[in-house]
PDB file of N, CA and C in Angstrom:
ATOM      1  N   MET A   1       0.842  -1.179   0.000  1.00  0.00           N
ATOM      2  CA  MET A   1       0.000   0.000   0.000  1.00  0.00           C
ATOM      3  C   MET A   1       0.886   1.241   0.000  1.00  0.00           C
ATOM      4  N   ALA A   2       0.508   2.194  -0.778  1.00  0.00           N
ATOM      5  CA  ALA A   2       1.281   3.429  -0.891  1.00  0.00           C
ATOM      6  C   ALA A   2       1.110   4.277   0.362  1.00  0.00           C
ATOM      7  N   ASP A   3       2.153   5.001   0.695  1.00  0.00           N
ATOM      8  CA  ASP A   3       2.072   5.918   1.826  1.00  0.00           C
ATOM      9  C   ASP A   3       1.154   7.072   1.457  1.00  0.00           C
ATOM     10  N   ARG A   4       0.464   7.582   2.457  1.00  0.00           N
ATOM     11  CA  ARG A   4      -0.429   8.714   2.239  1.00  0.00           C
ATOM     12  C   ARG A   4       0.131   9.921   2.972  1.00  0.00           C
ATOM     13  N   VAL A   5      -0.089  11.069   2.400  1.00  0.00           N
ATOM     14  CA  VAL A   5       0.317  12.314   3.037  1.00  0.00           C
ATOM     15  C   VAL A   5      -0.872  13.260   3.038  1.00  0.00           C
ATOM     16  N   MET A   6      -0.905  14.112   4.034  1.00  0.00           N
ATOM     17  CA  MET A   6      -1.959  15.118   4.108  1.00  0.00           C
ATOM     18  C   MET A   6      -1.447  16.395   3.458  1.00  0.00           C
ATOM     19  N   ILE A   7      -2.270  16.960   2.607  1.00  0.00           N
ATOM     20  CA  ILE A   7      -1.949  18.259   2.035  1.00  0.00           C
ATOM     21  C   ILE A   7      -3.150  19.160   2.240  1.00  0.00           C
ATOM     22  N   LYS A   8      -2.887  20.431   2.325  1.00  0.00           N
ATOM     23  CA  LYS A   8      -3.964  21.395   2.515  1.00  0.00           C
ATOM     24  C   LYS A   8      -4.717  21.560   1.201  1.00  0.00           C
ATOM     25  N   PRO A   9      -6.032  21.767   1.281  1.00  0.00           N
ATOM     26  CA  PRO A   9      -6.817  21.957   0.052  1.00  0.00           C
ATOM     27  C   PRO A   9      -6.278  23.078  -0.831  1.00  0.00           C
ATOM     28  N   THR A  10      -5.714  24.100  -0.217  1.00  0.00           N
ATOM     29  CA  THR A  10      -5.174  25.213  -1.005  1.00  0.00           C
ATOM     30  C   THR A  10      -3.922  24.818  -1.788  1.00  0.00           C
ATOM     31  N   GLU A  11      -3.277  23.724  -1.381  1.00  0.00           N
ATOM     32  CA  GLU A  11      -2.070  23.251  -2.067  1.00  0.00           C
ATOM     33  C   GLU A  11      -2.383  22.340  -3.250  1.00  0.00           C
ATOM     34  N   VAL A  12      -3.615  21.831  -3.311  1.00  0.00           N
ATOM     35  CA  VAL A  12      -3.972  20.841  -4.331  1.00  0.00           C
ATOM     36  C   VAL A  12      -3.841  21.380  -5.758  1.00  0.00           C
ATOM     37  N   PRO A  13      -4.358  22.578  -6.076  1.00  0.00           N
ATOM     38  CA  PRO A  13      -4.215  23.054  -7.459  1.00  0.00           C
ATOM     39  C   PRO A  13      -2.757  23.137  -7.921  1.00  0.00           C
ATOM     40  N   GLY A  14      -1.864  23.584  -7.055  1.00  0.00           N
ATOM     41  CA  GLY A  14      -0.450  23.654  -7.405  1.00  0.00           C
ATOM     42  C   GLY A  14       0.148  22.271  -7.624  1.00  0.00           C
ATOM     43  N   LEU A  15      -0.249  21.323  -6.781  1.00  0.00           N
ATOM     44  CA  LEU A  15       0.229  19.953  -6.935  1.00  0.00           C
ATOM     45  C   LEU A  15      -0.288  19.341  -8.234  1.00  0.00           C
ATOM     46  N   ILE A  16      -1.546  19.605  -8.549  1.00  0.00           N
ATOM     47  CA  ILE A  16      -2.115  19.113  -9.808  1.00  0.00           C
ATOM     48  C   ILE A  16      -1.336  19.687 -10.991  1.00  0.00           C
ATOM     49  N   ALA A  17      -1.022  20.966 -10.935  1.00  0.00           N
ATOM     50  CA  ALA A  17      -0.261  21.597 -12.026  1.00  0.00           C
ATOM     51  C   ALA A  17       1.111  20.943 -12.187  1.00  0.00           C
ATOM     52  N   LYS A  18       1.778  20.654 -11.065  1.00  0.00           N
ATOM     53  CA  LYS A  18       3.087  19.998 -11.128  1.00  0.00           C
ATOM     54  C   LYS A  18       2.961  18.599 -11.728  1.00  0.00           C
ATOM     55  N   LEU A  19       1.932  17.866 -11.311  1.00  0.00           N
ATOM     56  CA  LEU A  19       1.731  16.513 -11.842  1.00  0.00           C
ATOM     57  C   LEU A  19       1.381  16.544 -13.324  1.00  0.00           C
ATOM     58  N   GLU A  20       0.613  17.546 -13.737  1.00  0.00           N
ATOM     59  CA  GLU A  20       0.283  17.665 -15.162  1.00  0.00           C
ATOM     60  C   GLU A  20       1.539  17.960 -15.986  1.00  0.00           C
ATOM     61  N   ALA A  21       2.452  18.752 -15.434  1.00  0.00           N
ATOM     62  CA  ALA A  21       3.724  19.003 -16.120  1.00  0.00           C
ATOM     63  C   ALA A  21       4.539  17.710 -16.210  1.00  0.00           C
ATOM     64  N   GLU A  22       4.559  16.945 -15.122  1.00  0.00           N
ATOM     65  CA  GLU A  22       5.241  15.645 -15.128  1.00  0.00           C
ATOM     66  C   GLU A  22       4.608  14.706 -16.150  1.00  0.00           C
ATOM     67  N   LEU A  23       3.280  14.768 -16.258  1.00  0.00           N
ATOM     68  CA  LEU A  23       2.569  13.921 -17.215  1.00  0.00           C
ATOM     69  C   LEU A  23       2.985  14.253 -18.644  1.00  0.00           C
ATOM     70  N   LEU A  24       3.096  15.535 -18.949  1.00  0.00           N
ATOM     71  CA  LEU A  24       3.547  15.931 -20.289  1.00  0.00           C
ATOM     72  C   LEU A  24       4.960  15.414 -20.567  1.00  0.00           C
ATOM     73  N   GLU A  25       5.829  15.505 -19.569  1.00  0.00           N
ATOM     74  CA  GLU A  25       7.188  14.982 -19.728  1.00  0.00           C
ATOM     75  C   GLU A  25       7.169  13.473 -19.943  1.00  0.00           C
ATOM     76  N   ALA A  26       6.320  12.780 -19.196  1.00  0.00           N
ATOM     77  CA  ALA A  26       6.222  11.324 -19.334  1.00  0.00           C
ATOM     78  C   ALA A  26       5.712  10.940 -20.720  1.00  0.00           C
ATOM     79  N   LYS A  27       4.766  11.713 -21.225  1.00  0.00           N
ATOM     80  CA  LYS A  27       4.252  11.434 -22.571  1.00  0.00           C
ATOM     81  C   LYS A  27       5.333  11.681 -23.623  1.00  0.00           C
ATOM     82  N   ASP A  28       6.143  12.712 -23.406  1.00  0.00           N
ATOM     83  CA  ASP A  28       7.272  12.956 -24.309  1.00  0.00           C
ATOM     84  C   ASP A  28       8.266  11.797 -24.251  1.00  0.00           C
ATOM     85  N   LEU A  29       8.541  11.313 -23.035  1.00  0.00           N
ATOM     86  CA  LEU A  29       9.445  10.172 -22.881  1.00  0.00           C
ATOM     87  C   LEU A  29       8.900   8.935 -23.587  1.00  0.00           C
ATOM     88  N   ARG A  30       7.588   8.736 -23.484  1.00  0.00           N
ATOM     89  CA  ARG A  30       6.984   7.577 -24.131  1.00  0.00           C
ATOM     90  C   ARG A  30       7.139   7.671 -25.648  1.00  0.00           C
ATOM     91  N   GLU A  31       6.903   8.854 -26.170  1.00  0.00           N
ATOM     92  CA  GLU A  31       7.060   9.049 -27.613  1.00  0.00           C
ATOM     93  C   GLU A  31       8.505   8.773 -28.025  1.00  0.00           C
ATOM     94  N   TYR A  32       9.427   9.258 -27.208  1.00  0.00           N
ATOM     95  CA  TYR A  32      10.844   9.040 -27.483  1.00  0.00           C
ATOM     96  C   TYR A  32      11.187   7.552 -27.419  1.00  0.00           C
ATOM     97  N   THR A  33      10.683   6.864 -26.387  1.00  0.00           N
ATOM     98  CA  THR A  33      10.993   5.439 -26.254  1.00  0.00           C
ATOM     99  C   THR A  33      10.418   4.634 -27.405  1.00  0.00           C
ATOM    100  N   SER A  34       9.266   5.039 -27.897  1.00  0.00           N
ATOM    101  CA  SER A  34       8.686   4.354 -29.055  1.00  0.00           C
ATOM    102  C   SER A  34       9.587   4.526 -30.273  1.00  0.00           C
ATOM    103  N   ALA A  35      10.155   5.712 -30.411  1.00  0.00           N
ATOM    104  CA  ALA A  35      10.996   6.004 -31.571  1.00  0.00           C
ATOM    105  C   ALA A  35      12.342   5.287 -31.515  1.00  0.00           C
ATOM    106  N   ILE A  36      12.927   5.198 -30.310  1.00  0.00           N
ATOM    107  CA  ILE A  36      14.260   4.599 -30.219  1.00  0.00           C
ATOM    108  C   ILE A  36      14.225   3.098 -30.024  1.00  0.00           C
ATOM    109  N   GLY A  37      13.057   2.583 -29.615  1.00  0.00           N
ATOM    110  CA  GLY A  37      12.869   1.171 -29.285  1.00  0.00           C
ATOM    111  C   GLY A  37      13.973   0.220 -29.659  1.00  0.00           C
ATOM    112  N   THR A  38      14.214   0.011 -30.914  1.00  0.00           N
ATOM    113  CA  THR A  38      15.211  -0.976 -31.334  1.00  0.00           C
ATOM    114  C   THR A  38      16.511  -0.339 -31.798  1.00  0.00           C
ATOM    115  N   GLN A  39      16.634   0.971 -31.659  1.00  0.00           N
ATOM    116  CA  GLN A  39      17.813   1.656 -32.183  1.00  0.00           C
ATOM    117  C   GLN A  39      18.988   1.681 -31.211  1.00  0.00           C
ATOM    118  N   GLU A  40      18.699   1.680 -29.909  1.00  0.00           N
ATOM    119  CA  GLU A  40      19.778   1.767 -28.933  1.00  0.00           C
ATOM    120  C   GLU A  40      19.630   0.659 -27.901  1.00  0.00           C
ATOM    121  N   ALA A  41      20.721   0.315 -27.306  1.00  0.00           N
ATOM    122  CA  ALA A  41      20.683  -0.740 -26.286  1.00  0.00           C
ATOM    123  C   ALA A  41      19.872  -0.286 -25.081  1.00  0.00           C
ATOM    124  N   PRO A  42      19.007  -1.135 -24.560  1.00  0.00           N
ATOM    125  CA  PRO A  42      18.234  -0.777 -23.368  1.00  0.00           C
ATOM    126  C   PRO A  42      19.146  -0.427 -22.192  1.00  0.00           C
ATOM    127  N   ALA A  43      18.680   0.468 -21.373  1.00  0.00           N
ATOM    128  CA  ALA A  43      19.334   0.904 -20.142  1.00  0.00           C
ATOM    129  C   ALA A  43      20.572   1.763 -20.378  1.00  0.00           C
ATOM    130  N   LYS A  44      20.872   2.097 -21.624  1.00  0.00           N
ATOM    131  CA  LYS A  44      22.011   2.977 -21.887  1.00  0.00           C
ATOM    132  C   LYS A  44      21.580   4.294 -22.521  1.00  0.00           C
ATOM    133  N   ASP A  45      20.417   4.305 -23.156  1.00  0.00           N
ATOM    134  CA  ASP A  45      19.947   5.539 -23.772  1.00  0.00           C
ATOM    135  C   ASP A  45      19.327   6.434 -22.703  1.00  0.00           C
ATOM    136  N   PRO A  46      19.195   7.723 -22.959  1.00  0.00           N
ATOM    137  CA  PRO A  46      18.672   8.656 -21.954  1.00  0.00           C
ATOM    138  C   PRO A  46      17.269   8.311 -21.455  1.00  0.00           C
ATOM    139  N   ALA A  47      16.391   7.852 -22.332  1.00  0.00           N
ATOM    140  CA  ALA A  47      15.024   7.532 -21.907  1.00  0.00           C
ATOM    141  C   ALA A  47      15.017   6.362 -20.943  1.00  0.00           C
ATOM    142  N   SER A  48      15.805   5.342 -21.213  1.00  0.00           N
ATOM    143  CA  SER A  48      15.871   4.184 -20.316  1.00  0.00           C
ATOM    144  C   SER A  48      16.360   4.594 -18.935  1.00  0.00           C
ATOM    145  N   VAL A  49      17.402   5.388 -18.920  1.00  0.00           N
ATOM    146  CA  VAL A  49      17.969   5.832 -17.650  1.00  0.00           C
ATOM    147  C   VAL A  49      16.947   6.662 -16.879  1.00  0.00           C
ATOM    148  N   GLU A  50      16.265   7.585 -17.553  1.00  0.00           N
ATOM    149  CA  GLU A  50      15.261   8.438 -16.900  1.00  0.00           C
ATOM    150  C   GLU A  50      14.101   7.613 -16.364  1.00  0.00           C
ATOM    151  N   LEU A  51      13.591   6.688 -17.173  1.00  0.00           N
ATOM    152  CA  LEU A  51      12.478   5.851 -16.726  1.00  0.00           C
ATOM    153  C   LEU A  51      12.890   4.958 -15.567  1.00  0.00           C
ATOM    154  N   ALA A  52      14.078   4.415 -15.627  1.00  0.00           N
ATOM    155  CA  ALA A  52      14.552   3.568 -14.535  1.00  0.00           C
ATOM    156  C   ALA A  52      14.628   4.362 -13.233  1.00  0.00           C
ATOM    157  N   LYS A  53      15.073   5.613 -13.312  1.00  0.00           N
ATOM    158  CA  LYS A  53      15.125   6.469 -12.121  1.00  0.00           C
ATOM    159  C   LYS A  53      13.727   6.739 -11.585  1.00  0.00           C
ATOM    160  N   ARG A  54      12.812   7.108 -12.465  1.00  0.00           N
ATOM    161  CA  ARG A  54      11.464   7.484 -12.040  1.00  0.00           C
ATOM    162  C   ARG A  54      10.683   6.307 -11.478  1.00  0.00           C
ATOM    163  N   LEU A  55      10.854   5.137 -12.075  1.00  0.00           N
ATOM    164  CA  LEU A  55      10.088   3.971 -11.644  1.00  0.00           C
ATOM    165  C   LEU A  55      10.835   3.115 -10.638  1.00  0.00           C
ATOM    166  N   ASP A  56      12.111   3.383 -10.458  1.00  0.00           N
ATOM    167  CA  ASP A  56      12.966   2.602  -9.575  1.00  0.00           C
ATOM    168  C   ASP A  56      13.023   1.131 -10.000  1.00  0.00           C
ATOM    169  N   VAL A  57      12.900   0.891 -11.301  1.00  0.00           N
ATOM    170  CA  VAL A  57      13.038  -0.449 -11.875  1.00  0.00           C
ATOM    171  C   VAL A  57      13.722  -0.314 -13.229  1.00  0.00           C
ATOM    172  N   PRO A  58      14.477  -1.327 -13.634  1.00  0.00           N
ATOM    173  CA  PRO A  58      15.080  -1.247 -14.958  1.00  0.00           C
ATOM    174  C   PRO A  58      14.034  -1.416 -16.051  1.00  0.00           C
ATOM    175  N   ALA A  59      14.167  -0.659 -17.113  1.00  0.00           N
ATOM    176  CA  ALA A  59      13.278  -0.788 -18.269  1.00  0.00           C
ATOM    177  C   ALA A  59      14.109  -1.380 -19.394  1.00  0.00           C
ATOM    178  N   THR A  60      13.827  -2.619 -19.762  1.00  0.00           N
ATOM    179  CA  THR A  60      14.657  -3.281 -20.757  1.00  0.00           C
ATOM    180  C   THR A  60      13.867  -3.643 -21.995  1.00  0.00           C
ATOM    181  N   GLY A  61      14.549  -3.642 -23.118  1.00  0.00           N
ATOM    182  CA  GLY A  61      13.942  -4.021 -24.389  1.00  0.00           C
ATOM    183  C   GLY A  61      13.033  -2.944 -24.934  1.00  0.00           C
ATOM    184  N   PRO A  62      12.771  -2.989 -26.240  1.00  0.00           N
ATOM    185  CA  PRO A  62      11.938  -1.960 -26.861  1.00  0.00           C
ATOM    186  C   PRO A  62      10.543  -1.880 -26.259  1.00  0.00           C
ATOM    187  N   THR A  63       9.919  -3.016 -26.003  1.00  0.00           N
ATOM    188  CA  THR A  63       8.576  -2.965 -25.419  1.00  0.00           C
ATOM    189  C   THR A  63       8.630  -2.660 -23.935  1.00  0.00           C
ATOM    190  N   GLY A  64       9.736  -2.987 -23.280  1.00  0.00           N
ATOM    191  CA  GLY A  64       9.885  -2.670 -21.865  1.00  0.00           C
ATOM    192  C   GLY A  64       9.935  -1.177 -21.618  1.00  0.00           C
ATOM    193  N   LEU A  65      10.597  -0.468 -22.502  1.00  0.00           N
ATOM    194  CA  LEU A  65      10.666   0.988 -22.376  1.00  0.00           C
ATOM    195  C   LEU A  65       9.287   1.607 -22.505  1.00  0.00           C
ATOM    196  N   VAL A  66       8.553   1.188 -23.510  1.00  0.00           N
ATOM    197  CA  VAL A  66       7.213   1.732 -23.731  1.00  0.00           C
ATOM    198  C   VAL A  66       6.296   1.344 -22.576  1.00  0.00           C
ATOM    199  N   ALA A  67       6.398   0.099 -22.116  1.00  0.00           N
ATOM    200  CA  ALA A  67       5.565  -0.349 -20.997  1.00  0.00           C
ATOM    201  C   ALA A  67       5.874   0.442 -19.732  1.00  0.00           C
ATOM    202  N   ALA A  68       7.144   0.725 -19.486  1.00  0.00           N
ATOM    203  CA  ALA A  68       7.519   1.520 -18.316  1.00  0.00           C
ATOM    204  C   ALA A  68       6.960   2.933 -18.424  1.00  0.00           C
ATOM    205  N   ALA A  69       7.042   3.513 -19.607  1.00  0.00           N
ATOM    206  CA  ALA A  69       6.481   4.852 -19.815  1.00  0.00           C
ATOM    207  C   ALA A  69       4.970   4.828 -19.639  1.00  0.00           C
ATOM    208  N   ASP A  70       4.315   3.803 -20.171  1.00  0.00           N
ATOM    209  CA  ASP A  70       2.861   3.678 -20.012  1.00  0.00           C
ATOM    210  C   ASP A  70       2.477   3.566 -18.541  1.00  0.00           C
ATOM    211  N   LYS A  71       3.278   2.824 -17.775  1.00  0.00           N
ATOM    212  CA  LYS A  71       3.009   2.665 -16.343  1.00  0.00           C
ATOM    213  C   LYS A  71       3.131   4.009 -15.625  1.00  0.00           C
ATOM    214  N   LEU A  72       4.159   4.759 -15.957  1.00  0.00           N
ATOM    215  CA  LEU A  72       4.352   6.077 -15.354  1.00  0.00           C
ATOM    216  C   LEU A  72       3.198   7.008 -15.713  1.00  0.00           C
ATOM    217  N   ILE A  73       2.788   7.005 -16.975  1.00  0.00           N
ATOM    218  CA  ILE A  73       1.678   7.851 -17.430  1.00  0.00           C
ATOM    219  C   ILE A  73       0.395   7.483 -16.699  1.00  0.00           C
ATOM    220  N   ALA A  74       0.106   6.196 -16.604  1.00  0.00           N
ATOM    221  CA  ALA A  74      -1.115   5.749 -15.916  1.00  0.00           C
ATOM    222  C   ALA A  74      -1.097   6.160 -14.448  1.00  0.00           C
ATOM    223  N   SER A  75       0.054   6.047 -13.815  1.00  0.00           N
ATOM    224  CA  SER A  75       0.180   6.426 -12.413  1.00  0.00           C
ATOM    225  C   SER A  75      -0.066   7.922 -12.215  1.00  0.00           C
ATOM    226  N   LEU A  76       0.527   8.738 -13.063  1.00  0.00           N
ATOM    227  CA  LEU A  76       0.334  10.190 -12.972  1.00  0.00           C
ATOM    228  C   LEU A  76      -1.115  10.571 -13.242  1.00  0.00           C
ATOM    229  N   GLU A  77      -1.725   9.956 -14.261  1.00  0.00           N
ATOM    230  CA  GLU A  77      -3.128  10.249 -14.571  1.00  0.00           C
ATOM    231  C   GLU A  77      -4.033   9.872 -13.406  1.00  0.00           C
ATOM    232  N   ALA A  78      -3.751   8.746 -12.755  1.00  0.00           N
ATOM    233  CA  ALA A  78      -4.560   8.326 -11.606  1.00  0.00           C
ATOM    234  C   ALA A  78      -4.410   9.309 -10.448  1.00  0.00           C
ATOM    235  N   MET A  79      -3.184   9.760 -10.190  1.00  0.00           N
ATOM    236  CA  MET A  79      -2.972  10.728  -9.112  1.00  0.00           C
ATOM    237  C   MET A  79      -3.711  12.033  -9.389  1.00  0.00           C
ATOM    238  N   ILE A  80      -3.634  12.508 -10.616  1.00  0.00           N
ATOM    239  CA  ILE A  80      -4.307  13.756 -10.985  1.00  0.00           C
ATOM    240  C   ILE A  80      -5.813  13.609 -10.819  1.00  0.00           C
ATOM    241  N   THR A  81      -6.362  12.513 -11.313  1.00  0.00           N
ATOM    242  CA  THR A  81      -7.803  12.269 -11.191  1.00  0.00           C
ATOM    243  C   THR A  81      -8.219  12.202  -9.732  1.00  0.00           C
ATOM    244  N   ASN A  82      -7.464  11.473  -8.912  1.00  0.00           N
ATOM    245  CA  ASN A  82      -7.794  11.353  -7.494  1.00  0.00           C
ATOM    246  C   ASN A  82      -7.723  12.698  -6.780  1.00  0.00           C
ATOM    247  N   LEU A  83      -6.730  13.495  -7.103  1.00  0.00           N
ATOM    248  CA  LEU A  83      -6.630  14.818  -6.483  1.00  0.00           C
ATOM    249  C   LEU A  83      -7.790  15.719  -6.892  1.00  0.00           C
ATOM    250  N   LYS A  84      -8.136  15.704  -8.171  1.00  0.00           N
ATOM    251  CA  LYS A  84      -9.257  16.525  -8.638  1.00  0.00           C
ATOM    252  C   LYS A  84     -10.561  16.080  -7.988  1.00  0.00           C
ATOM    253  N   ASN A  85     -10.781  14.773  -7.907  1.00  0.00           N
ATOM    254  CA  ASN A  85     -12.000  14.259  -7.283  1.00  0.00           C
ATOM    255  C   ASN A  85     -12.036  14.577  -5.794  1.00  0.00           C
ATOM    256  N   GLY A  86     -10.896  14.416  -5.128  1.00  0.00           N
ATOM    257  CA  GLY A  86     -10.826  14.720  -3.703  1.00  0.00           C
ATOM    258  C   GLY A  86     -11.085  16.188  -3.423  1.00  0.00           C
ATOM    259  N   LEU A  87     -10.534  17.060  -4.248  1.00  0.00           N
ATOM    260  CA  LEU A  87     -10.756  18.492  -4.069  1.00  0.00           C
ATOM    261  C   LEU A  87     -12.216  18.845  -4.321  1.00  0.00           C
ATOM    262  N   ALA A  88     -12.812  18.252  -5.344  1.00  0.00           N
ATOM    263  CA  ALA A  88     -14.229  18.509  -5.632  1.00  0.00           C
ATOM    264  C   ALA A  88     -15.102  18.035  -4.469  1.00  0.00           C
ATOM    265  N   ASP A  89     -14.793  16.869  -3.905  1.00  0.00           N
ATOM    266  CA  ASP A  89     -15.544  16.363  -2.747  1.00  0.00           C
ATOM    267  C   ASP A  89     -15.397  17.305  -1.560  1.00  0.00           C
ATOM    268  N   TYR A  90     -14.177  17.754  -1.320  1.00  0.00           N
ATOM    269  CA  TYR A  90     -13.922  18.673  -0.217  1.00  0.00           C
ATOM    270  C   TYR A  90     -14.716  19.967  -0.399  1.00  0.00           C
ATOM    271  N   GLU A  91     -14.687  20.513  -1.613  1.00  0.00           N
ATOM    272  CA  GLU A  91     -15.398  21.765  -1.874  1.00  0.00           C
ATOM    273  C   GLU A  91     -16.904  21.595  -1.712  1.00  0.00           C
ATOM    274  N   ARG A  92     -17.442  20.451  -2.149  1.00  0.00           N
ATOM    275  CA  ARG A  92     -18.877  20.193  -1.950  1.00  0.00           C
ATOM    276  C   ARG A  92     -19.213  20.105  -0.466  1.00  0.00           C
ATOM    277  N   GLN A  93     -18.365  19.430   0.296  1.00  0.00           N
ATOM    278  CA  GLN A  93     -18.600  19.297   1.732  1.00  0.00           C
ATOM    279  C   GLN A  93     -18.506  20.648   2.427  1.00  0.00           C
ATOM    280  N   GLU A  94     -17.540  21.445   2.042  1.00  0.00           N
ATOM    281  CA  GLU A  94     -17.408  22.781   2.622  1.00  0.00           C
ATOM    282  C   GLU A  94     -18.629  23.639   2.302  1.00  0.00           C
ATOM    283  N   GLN A  95     -19.119  23.548   1.076  1.00  0.00           N
ATOM    284  CA  GLN A  95     -20.319  24.291   0.680  1.00  0.00           C
ATOM    285  C   GLN A  95     -21.519  23.834   1.504  1.00  0.00           C
ATOM    286  N   ALA A  96     -21.651  22.532   1.688  1.00  0.00           N
ATOM    287  CA  ALA A  96     -22.754  21.999   2.496  1.00  0.00           C
ATOM    288  C   ALA A  96     -22.633  22.470   3.938  1.00  0.00           C
ATOM    289  N   ASN A  97     -21.430  22.478   4.467  1.00  0.00           N
ATOM    290  CA  ASN A  97     -21.216  22.941   5.843  1.00  0.00           C
ATOM    291  C   ASN A  97     -21.568  24.417   5.990  1.00  0.00           C
ATOM    292  N   ARG A  98     -21.187  25.236   5.011  1.00  0.00           N
ATOM    293  CA  ARG A  98     -21.524  26.662   5.067  1.00  0.00           C
ATOM    294  C   ARG A  98     -23.037  26.865   5.003  1.00  0.00           C
ATOM    295  N   SER A  99     -23.703  26.095   4.162  1.00  0.00           N
ATOM    296  CA  SER A  99     -25.162  26.205   4.047  1.00  0.00           C
ATOM    297  C   SER A  99     -25.837  25.823   5.352  1.00  0.00           C
ATOM    298  N   THR A 100     -25.338  24.782   5.994  1.00  0.00           N
ATOM    299  CA  THR A 100     -25.902  24.325   7.262  1.00  0.00           C
ATOM    300  C   THR A 100     -25.695  25.373   8.346  1.00  0.00           C
ATOM    301  N   MET A 101     -24.530  25.993   8.372  1.00  0.00           N
ATOM    302  CA  MET A 101     -24.230  26.999   9.387  1.00  0.00           C
ATOM    303  C   MET A 101     -25.095  28.243   9.200  1.00  0.00           C
ATOM    304  N   LYS A 102     -25.404  28.617   7.965  1.00  0.00           N
ATOM    305  CA  LYS A 102     -26.232  29.791   7.709  1.00  0.00           C
ATOM    306  C   LYS A 102     -27.651  29.568   8.207  1.00  0.00           C
ATOM    307  N   ARG A 103     -28.137  28.333   8.082  1.00  0.00           N
ATOM    308  CA  ARG A 103     -29.502  28.026   8.515  1.00  0.00           C
ATOM    309  C   ARG A 103     -29.617  27.967  10.025  1.00  0.00           C
ATOM    310  N   ALA A 104     -28.530  27.660  10.699  1.00  0.00           N
ATOM    311  CA  ALA A 104     -28.584  27.468  12.151  1.00  0.00           C
ATOM    312  C   ALA A 104     -28.650  28.759  12.910  1.00  0.00           C
TER     313      ALA A 104
END
């Protein structure tokens, strides 16, 4: 199970922006890995080294590079979606709480 951290709701938009920037970089890496697939030895080209660092696992072979990039992209997309959903839930709850307090 992944470790969880608490962040303030006001920090979420900035974190989402950072993750979206990381997602764009990951998509660029995936495009690059697709292009180099069979051209360079695995784990020696820049994309392999970068993916291995980010995933903390070696990415080997042409399909391994693409699969590692796909895994990173899916992970980032899931984090972004979860943060957006969590923030929306928080904002709805805060709105409901404010409405309840006004009536009281």
